[in-house]
Amino acid sequence: MCKITATHCNTLQHASTLCNTLQFIATRCNTLQIIATRYNTLATYCNTLQHTATYCNMLQHTATYCNMLQLVATCCNMLQLIATHCNLLQHAATHCNMLQHAATHCNLLQHTATCCNMLQHTATYCNTLQLIATHRNLLQHTATHCNTLQLIATRCILRLQGILTMWVEA
């Protein structure tokens, strides 16, 4: 039979304490391993979040760039619209200049026509006076004056006809 001595008991007791300590350490190691696994998971998650944040920054930069491009496109459309209006106004100004030029010619022609009517009336009056002077010797002096006026009127008409011919040809 085996005798258990106090030394054996102390050794067994010490071994039991050592086992308890080792078991406690093993439990702590398992806990640390679980924490390390969770840390790795968190680290992976943090890396994913950091990658996502970088991607979001890139998207935000792209959105800002797109907004700037949209603003530039709007400005270009406004400038194109202004250019179209300027072209229309320039075209209208050209027409106005042409109409003003035509109005000037019309005023000159109207003035010329008025002068012609006055000269024609004067010529008619002179013809009447010449007829009276022919029938009456006393009015011979008046007929001479009428001839002079008629000559002046003829010259004026010829000059005006020359001016009108130049305008029409221009």
C-alpha atoms as a PDB file:
ATOM      1  CA  MET A   1       0.000   0.000   0.000  1.00  0.00           C
ATOM      2  CA  CYS A   2       0.948   3.465  -0.628  1.00  0.00           C
ATOM      3  CA  LYS A   3       1.516   5.875   2.097  1.00  0.00           C
ATOM      4  CA  ILE A   4       0.763   9.435   1.524  1.00  0.00           C
ATOM      5  CA  THR A   5       3.013  11.626   3.424  1.00  0.00           C
ATOM      6  CA  ALA A   6       2.734  15.278   4.213  1.00  0.00           C
ATOM      7  CA  THR A   7       5.323  16.023   1.542  1.00  0.00           C
ATOM      8  CA  HIS A   8       3.168  14.262  -1.017  1.00  0.00           C
ATOM      9  CA  CYS A   9       0.180  16.186   0.183  1.00  0.00           C
ATOM     10  CA  ASN A  10       2.060  19.444  -0.098  1.00  0.00           C
ATOM     11  CA  THR A  11       3.269  18.504  -3.551  1.00  0.00           C
ATOM     12  CA  LEU A  12      -0.242  17.498  -4.615  1.00  0.00           C
ATOM     13  CA  GLN A  13      -1.656  20.642  -3.092  1.00  0.00           C
ATOM     14  CA  HIS A  14       0.998  22.731  -4.862  1.00  0.00           C
ATOM     15  CA  ALA A  15       0.276  20.895  -8.131  1.00  0.00           C
ATOM     16  CA  SER A  16      -3.443  21.498  -7.662  1.00  0.00           C
ATOM     17  CA  THR A  17      -2.806  25.222  -7.093  1.00  0.00           C
ATOM     18  CA  LEU A  18      -0.538  25.275 -10.127  1.00  0.00           C
ATOM     19  CA  CYS A  19      -3.274  23.572 -12.197  1.00  0.00           C
ATOM     20  CA  ASN A  20      -5.805  26.101 -10.979  1.00  0.00           C
ATOM     21  CA  THR A  21      -3.444  28.915 -11.960  1.00  0.00           C
ATOM     22  CA  LEU A  22      -2.801  27.327 -15.354  1.00  0.00           C
ATOM     23  CA  GLN A  23      -6.519  26.863 -15.855  1.00  0.00           C
ATOM     24  CA  PHE A  24      -7.086  30.528 -14.922  1.00  0.00           C
ATOM     25  CA  ILE A  25      -4.334  31.579 -17.357  1.00  0.00           C
ATOM     26  CA  ALA A  26      -5.839  29.387 -20.090  1.00  0.00           C
ATOM     27  CA  THR A  27      -9.236  31.043 -19.508  1.00  0.00           C
ATOM     28  CA  ARG A  28      -7.561  34.476 -19.746  1.00  0.00           C
ATOM     29  CA  CYS A  29      -5.786  33.363 -22.945  1.00  0.00           C
ATOM     30  CA  ASN A  30      -9.119  32.318 -24.445  1.00  0.00           C
ATOM     31  CA  THR A  31     -10.581  35.695 -23.473  1.00  0.00           C
ATOM     32  CA  LEU A  32      -7.549  37.483 -24.969  1.00  0.00           C
ATOM     33  CA  GLN A  33      -7.870  35.375 -28.121  1.00  0.00           C
ATOM     34  CA  ILE A  34     -11.556  36.355 -28.402  1.00  0.00           C
ATOM     35  CA  ILE A  35     -10.598  40.012 -27.861  1.00  0.00           C
ATOM     36  CA  ALA A  36      -7.837  39.713 -30.465  1.00  0.00           C
ATOM     37  CA  THR A  37     -10.311  38.206 -32.933  1.00  0.00           C
ATOM     38  CA  ARG A  38     -12.745  41.027 -32.207  1.00  0.00           C
ATOM     39  CA  TYR A  39      -9.897  43.541 -32.573  1.00  0.00           C
ATOM     40  CA  ASN A  40      -9.017  42.073 -35.967  1.00  0.00           C
ATOM     41  CA  THR A  41     -12.685  42.292 -36.946  1.00  0.00           C
ATOM     42  CA  LEU A  42     -12.804  45.905 -35.717  1.00  0.00           C
ATOM     43  CA  ALA A  43      -9.548  46.693 -37.530  1.00  0.00           C
ATOM     44  CA  THR A  44     -10.979  45.242 -40.750  1.00  0.00           C
ATOM     45  CA  TYR A  45     -14.192  47.210 -40.196  1.00  0.00           C
ATOM     46  CA  CYS A  46     -12.164  50.408 -39.539  1.00  0.00           C
ATOM     47  CA  ASN A  47     -10.186  49.821 -42.741  1.00  0.00           C
ATOM     48  CA  THR A  48     -13.462  49.373 -44.618  1.00  0.00           C
ATOM     49  CA  LEU A  49     -14.845  52.573 -43.070  1.00  0.00           C
ATOM     50  CA  GLN A  50     -11.654  54.441 -43.939  1.00  0.00           C
ATOM     51  CA  HIS A  51     -11.867  53.179 -47.541  1.00  0.00           C
ATOM     52  CA  THR A  52     -15.549  54.206 -47.640  1.00  0.00           C
ATOM     53  CA  ALA A  53     -14.681  57.664 -46.267  1.00  0.00           C
ATOM     54  CA  THR A  54     -12.004  58.071 -48.973  1.00  0.00           C
ATOM     55  CA  TYR A  55     -14.530  57.020 -51.621  1.00  0.00           C
ATOM     56  CA  CYS A  56     -17.097  59.481 -50.189  1.00  0.00           C
ATOM     57  CA  ASN A  57     -14.498  62.274 -50.339  1.00  0.00           C
ATOM     58  CA  MET A  58     -13.830  61.387 -53.964  1.00  0.00           C
ATOM     59  CA  LEU A  59     -17.579  61.414 -54.702  1.00  0.00           C
ATOM     60  CA  GLN A  60     -17.969  64.761 -52.941  1.00  0.00           C
ATOM     61  CA  HIS A  61     -15.083  66.197 -54.983  1.00  0.00           C
ATOM     62  CA  THR A  62     -16.685  64.811 -58.153  1.00  0.00           C
ATOM     63  CA  ALA A  63     -20.066  66.324 -57.177  1.00  0.00           C
ATOM     64  CA  THR A  64     -18.402  69.715 -56.609  1.00  0.00           C
ATOM     65  CA  TYR A  65     -16.709  69.452 -60.002  1.00  0.00           C
ATOM     66  CA  CYS A  66     -20.049  68.509 -61.621  1.00  0.00           C
ATOM     67  CA  ASN A  67     -21.738  71.516 -59.974  1.00  0.00           C
ATOM     68  CA  MET A  68     -18.994  73.773 -61.342  1.00  0.00           C
ATOM     69  CA  LEU A  69     -19.435  72.269 -64.824  1.00  0.00           C
ATOM     70  CA  GLN A  70     -23.186  72.756 -64.601  1.00  0.00           C
ATOM     71  CA  LEU A  71     -22.652  76.401 -63.597  1.00  0.00           C
ATOM     72  CA  VAL A  72     -20.258  76.889 -66.527  1.00  0.00           C
ATOM     73  CA  ALA A  73     -22.802  75.297 -68.891  1.00  0.00           C
ATOM     74  CA  THR A  74     -25.509  77.661 -67.587  1.00  0.00           C
ATOM     75  CA  CYS A  75     -23.208  80.645 -68.142  1.00  0.00           C
ATOM     76  CA  CYS A  76     -22.424  79.426 -71.661  1.00  0.00           C
ATOM     77  CA  ASN A  77     -26.147  79.124 -72.434  1.00  0.00           C
ATOM     78  CA  MET A  78     -26.725  82.661 -71.147  1.00  0.00           C
ATOM     79  CA  LEU A  79     -23.827  84.000 -73.240  1.00  0.00           C
ATOM     80  CA  GLN A  80     -25.157  82.218 -76.311  1.00  0.00           C
ATOM     81  CA  LEU A  81     -28.596  83.735 -75.703  1.00  0.00           C
ATOM     82  CA  ILE A  82     -27.037  87.198 -75.309  1.00  0.00           C
ATOM     83  CA  ALA A  83     -25.051  86.686 -78.539  1.00  0.00           C
ATOM     84  CA  THR A  84     -28.265  85.748 -80.359  1.00  0.00           C
ATOM     85  CA  HIS A  85     -29.978  88.903 -79.040  1.00  0.00           C
ATOM     86  CA  CYS A  86     -26.965  90.997 -80.087  1.00  0.00           C
ATOM     87  CA  ASN A  87     -27.131  89.530 -83.591  1.00  0.00           C
ATOM     88  CA  LEU A  88     -30.840  90.336 -83.775  1.00  0.00           C
ATOM     89  CA  LEU A  89     -30.224  93.887 -82.569  1.00  0.00           C
ATOM     90  CA  GLN A  90     -27.379  94.323 -85.061  1.00  0.00           C
ATOM     91  CA  HIS A  91     -29.653  93.059 -87.851  1.00  0.00           C
ATOM     92  CA  ALA A  92     -32.397  95.467 -86.718  1.00  0.00           C
ATOM     93  CA  ALA A  93     -29.865  98.335 -86.620  1.00  0.00           C
ATOM     94  CA  THR A  94     -28.844  97.532 -90.208  1.00  0.00           C
ATOM     95  CA  HIS A  95     -32.488  97.657 -91.266  1.00  0.00           C
ATOM     96  CA  CYS A  96     -32.952 100.936 -89.392  1.00  0.00           C
ATOM     97  CA  ASN A  97     -29.944 102.430 -91.189  1.00  0.00           C
ATOM     98  CA  MET A  98     -31.343 101.290 -94.527  1.00  0.00           C
ATOM     99  CA  LEU A  99     -34.764 102.765 -93.676  1.00  0.00           C
ATOM    100  CA  GLN A 100     -33.168 106.012 -92.529  1.00  0.00           C
ATOM    101  CA  HIS A 101     -31.196 106.214 -95.791  1.00  0.00           C
ATOM    102  CA  ALA A 102     -34.398 105.565 -97.774  1.00  0.00           C
ATOM    103  CA  ALA A 103     -36.236 108.207 -95.721  1.00  0.00           C
ATOM    104  CA  THR A 104     -33.504 110.735 -96.538  1.00  0.00           C
ATOM    105  CA  HIS A 105     -33.883 109.943-100.252  1.00  0.00           C
ATOM    106  CA  CYS A 106     -37.672 110.238 -99.938  1.00  0.00           C
ATOM    107  CA  ASN A 107     -37.346 113.640 -98.244  1.00  0.00           C
ATOM    108  CA  LEU A 108     -35.033 114.844-101.003  1.00  0.00           C
ATOM    109  CA  LEU A 109     -37.385 113.541-103.678  1.00  0.00           C
ATOM    110  CA  GLN A 110     -40.364 115.125-101.939  1.00  0.00           C
ATOM    111  CA  HIS A 111     -38.522 118.445-101.732  1.00  0.00           C
ATOM    112  CA  THR A 112     -37.587 118.127-105.414  1.00  0.00           C
ATOM    113  CA  ALA A 113     -41.202 117.356-106.331  1.00  0.00           C
ATOM    114  CA  THR A 114     -42.355 120.430-104.405  1.00  0.00           C
ATOM    115  CA  CYS A 115     -39.830 122.563-106.276  1.00  0.00           C
ATOM    116  CA  CYS A 116     -40.949 121.048-109.588  1.00  0.00           C
ATOM    117  CA  ASN A 117     -44.593 121.778-108.779  1.00  0.00           C
ATOM    118  CA  MET A 118     -43.738 125.362-107.920  1.00  0.00           C
ATOM    119  CA  LEU A 119     -41.706 125.747-111.109  1.00  0.00           C
ATOM    120  CA  GLN A 120     -44.479 124.155-113.163  1.00  0.00           C
ATOM    121  CA  HIS A 121     -46.998 126.544-111.603  1.00  0.00           C
ATOM    122  CA  THR A 122     -44.641 129.442-112.383  1.00  0.00           C
ATOM    123  CA  ALA A 123     -44.225 128.212-115.963  1.00  0.00           C
ATOM    124  CA  THR A 124     -47.998 127.979-116.355  1.00  0.00           C
ATOM    125  CA  TYR A 125     -48.374 131.476-114.966  1.00  0.00           C
ATOM    126  CA  CYS A 126     -45.652 132.717-117.326  1.00  0.00           C
ATOM    127  CA  ASN A 127     -47.388 131.067-120.284  1.00  0.00           C
ATOM    128  CA  THR A 128     -50.604 132.789-119.316  1.00  0.00           C
ATOM    129  CA  LEU A 129     -48.841 136.109-119.010  1.00  0.00           C
ATOM    130  CA  GLN A 130     -47.072 135.544-122.323  1.00  0.00           C
ATOM    131  CA  LEU A 131     -50.405 134.838-123.972  1.00  0.00           C
ATOM    132  CA  ILE A 132     -51.851 138.032-122.545  1.00  0.00           C
ATOM    133  CA  ALA A 133     -48.745 139.966-123.614  1.00  0.00           C
ATOM    134  CA  THR A 134     -49.060 138.621-127.152  1.00  0.00           C
ATOM    135  CA  HIS A 135     -52.566 139.912-127.335  1.00  0.00           C
ATOM    136  CA  ARG A 136     -51.659 143.177-125.753  1.00  0.00           C
ATOM    137  CA  ASN A 137     -48.682 145.163-126.741  1.00  0.00           C
ATOM    138  CA  LEU A 138     -48.637 146.992-123.437  1.00  0.00           C
ATOM    139  CA  LEU A 139     -47.650 143.780-121.628  1.00  0.00           C
ATOM    140  CA  GLN A 140     -44.586 143.122-123.833  1.00  0.00           C
ATOM    141  CA  HIS A 141     -42.281 144.064-120.988  1.00  0.00           C
ATOM    142  CA  THR A 142     -43.960 141.510-118.681  1.00  0.00           C
ATOM    143  CA  ALA A 143     -43.562 138.786-121.321  1.00  0.00           C
ATOM    144  CA  THR A 144     -39.826 139.402-121.395  1.00  0.00           C
ATOM    145  CA  HIS A 145     -39.663 138.845-117.667  1.00  0.00           C
ATOM    146  CA  CYS A 146     -41.693 135.667-118.025  1.00  0.00           C
ATOM    147  CA  ASN A 147     -39.273 134.375-120.641  1.00  0.00           C
ATOM    148  CA  THR A 148     -36.413 134.916-118.271  1.00  0.00           C
ATOM    149  CA  LEU A 149     -38.285 133.129-115.482  1.00  0.00           C
ATOM    150  CA  GLN A 150     -39.168 130.288-117.815  1.00  0.00           C
ATOM    151  CA  LEU A 151     -35.527 129.942-118.829  1.00  0.00           C
ATOM    152  CA  ILE A 152     -34.513 129.827-115.166  1.00  0.00           C
ATOM    153  CA  ALA A 153     -37.245 127.289-114.476  1.00  0.00           C
ATOM    154  CA  THR A 154     -36.093 125.138-117.389  1.00  0.00           C
ATOM    155  CA  ARG A 155     -32.520 125.208-116.152  1.00  0.00           C
ATOM    156  CA  CYS A 156     -33.646 124.302-112.614  1.00  0.00           C
ATOM    157  CA  ILE A 157     -35.740 121.436-113.949  1.00  0.00           C
ATOM    158  CA  LEU A 158     -32.783 120.158-115.985  1.00  0.00           C
ATOM    159  CA  ARG A 159     -30.495 120.360-112.952  1.00  0.00           C
ATOM    160  CA  LEU A 160     -33.027 118.580-110.733  1.00  0.00           C
ATOM    161  CA  GLN A 161     -33.519 115.895-113.361  1.00  0.00           C
ATOM    162  CA  GLY A 162     -29.727 115.367-113.400  1.00  0.00           C
ATOM    163  CA  ILE A 163     -29.657 115.092-109.583  1.00  0.00           C
ATOM    164  CA  LEU A 164     -32.574 112.644-109.618  1.00  0.00           C
ATOM    165  CA  THR A 165     -30.873 110.569-112.277  1.00  0.00           C
ATOM    166  CA  MET A 166     -27.733 110.359-110.127  1.00  0.00           C
ATOM    167  CA  TRP A 167     -29.773 109.254-107.061  1.00  0.00           C
ATOM    168  CA  VAL A 168     -31.713 106.668-108.969  1.00  0.00           C
ATOM    169  CA  GLU A 169     -28.524 105.214-110.444  1.00  0.00           C
ATOM    170  CA  ALA A 170     -26.879 105.159-106.991  1.00  0.00           C
END
